């Protein structure tokens, strides 16, 4: 089981690398959980009048729009706002 504590630019970058590797290695769990400090973020255009929870944005758009914008996270990286559940 793989868990990253933190979802800033460093945590998101590491989760991207681990997510790619976990998906291709037979001895690893496919899912990489990333603990996210839950916060509300403004969505990028064209939805920039709306807000959403950061974990929801990461899990649906597969991008950390606040701390690592423009980088697509692997679909097996899951943002989890509860530390106990993440790890």
Protein backbone atom coordinates (compact mmCIF):
# COMPACT_ATOMS: atom_id res chain seq x y z
CA UNK A 1 0.00 0.00 0.00
CA UNK A 2 1.31 3.42 -0.95
CA UNK A 3 0.42 6.68 0.82
CA UNK A 4 1.86 10.16 0.32
CA UNK A 5 1.32 12.57 3.19
CA UNK A 6 0.88 15.96 1.63
CA UNK A 7 -0.44 17.22 -1.67
CA UNK A 8 1.62 20.31 -2.36
CA UNK A 9 3.84 20.49 -5.42
CA UNK A 10 6.33 17.99 -3.95
CA UNK A 11 3.68 15.50 -2.79
CA UNK A 12 1.83 15.71 -6.11
CA UNK A 13 5.04 15.22 -8.09
CA UNK A 14 6.03 12.16 -6.03
CA UNK A 15 2.48 10.77 -6.30
CA UNK A 16 2.74 11.09 -10.09
CA UNK A 17 5.97 9.08 -10.23
CA UNK A 18 4.74 6.47 -7.75
CA UNK A 19 1.38 6.21 -9.52
CA UNK A 20 3.03 5.46 -12.85
CA UNK A 21 5.32 2.86 -11.30
CA UNK A 22 2.66 1.21 -9.13
CA UNK A 23 0.44 0.74 -12.18
CA UNK A 24 3.10 -1.24 -14.03
CA UNK A 25 4.68 -3.25 -11.19
CA UNK A 26 2.98 -6.50 -10.24
CA UNK A 27 4.20 -6.48 -6.62
CA UNK A 28 2.66 -3.05 -5.82
CA UNK A 29 -0.90 -2.06 -5.07
CA UNK A 30 -2.26 -0.14 -8.02
CA UNK A 31 -3.73 2.68 -5.96
CA UNK A 32 -1.61 5.50 -4.60
CA UNK A 33 -3.36 7.50 -1.90
CA UNK A 34 -2.36 11.10 -1.33
CA UNK A 35 -3.47 12.82 1.86
CA UNK A 36 -4.88 16.24 1.03
CA UNK A 37 -5.43 19.08 3.46
CA UNK A 38 -8.98 19.83 2.42
CA UNK A 39 -9.47 23.33 1.12
CA UNK A 40 -11.79 25.05 -1.29
CA UNK A 41 -10.23 26.19 -4.56
CA UNK A 42 -11.41 28.33 -7.46
CA UNK A 43 -11.81 26.28 -10.62
CA UNK A 44 -9.82 27.33 -13.69
CA UNK A 45 -11.53 28.78 -16.79
CA UNK A 46 -14.12 28.29 -18.12
CA UNK A 47 -15.49 27.39 -14.65
CA UNK A 48 -13.61 30.15 -12.82
CA UNK A 49 -16.74 31.44 -11.11
CA UNK A 50 -17.16 28.16 -9.23
CA UNK A 51 -15.34 26.65 -6.28
CA UNK A 52 -14.79 23.01 -5.30
CA UNK A 53 -12.97 20.92 -2.72
CA UNK A 54 -9.37 20.32 -3.76
CA UNK A 55 -9.66 16.55 -3.21
CA UNK A 56 -12.71 16.40 -5.50
CA UNK A 57 -10.91 18.37 -8.19
CA UNK A 58 -7.85 16.10 -8.01
CA UNK A 59 -9.99 12.95 -8.16
CA UNK A 60 -12.13 14.10 -11.08
CA UNK A 61 -9.71 16.16 -13.18
CA UNK A 62 -6.55 14.24 -12.23
CA UNK A 63 -4.72 17.51 -11.72
CA UNK A 64 -3.72 19.47 -8.64
CA UNK A 65 -4.85 22.84 -9.97
CA UNK A 66 -3.51 24.75 -6.97
CA UNK A 67 -0.05 23.29 -6.34
CA UNK A 68 0.93 21.54 -9.60
CA UNK A 69 -1.22 23.02 -12.38
CA UNK A 70 -0.81 21.66 -15.87
CA UNK A 71 0.51 18.26 -14.76
CA UNK A 72 -1.80 15.30 -15.25
CA UNK A 73 -1.82 12.90 -12.31
CA UNK A 74 -2.23 9.19 -13.09
CA UNK A 75 -5.79 7.93 -12.68
CA UNK A 76 -4.66 5.55 -9.91
CA UNK A 77 -3.67 8.47 -7.65
CA UNK A 78 -6.52 9.19 -5.26
CA UNK A 79 -6.76 12.30 -3.10
CA UNK A 80 -8.03 11.50 0.40
CA UNK A 81 -8.78 14.28 2.92
CA UNK A 82 -8.83 11.92 5.93
CA UNK A 83 -5.33 10.94 7.11
CA UNK A 84 -6.48 7.71 8.72
CA UNK A 85 -8.20 6.57 5.55
CA UNK A 86 -5.29 7.63 3.36
CA UNK A 87 -2.72 5.59 5.26
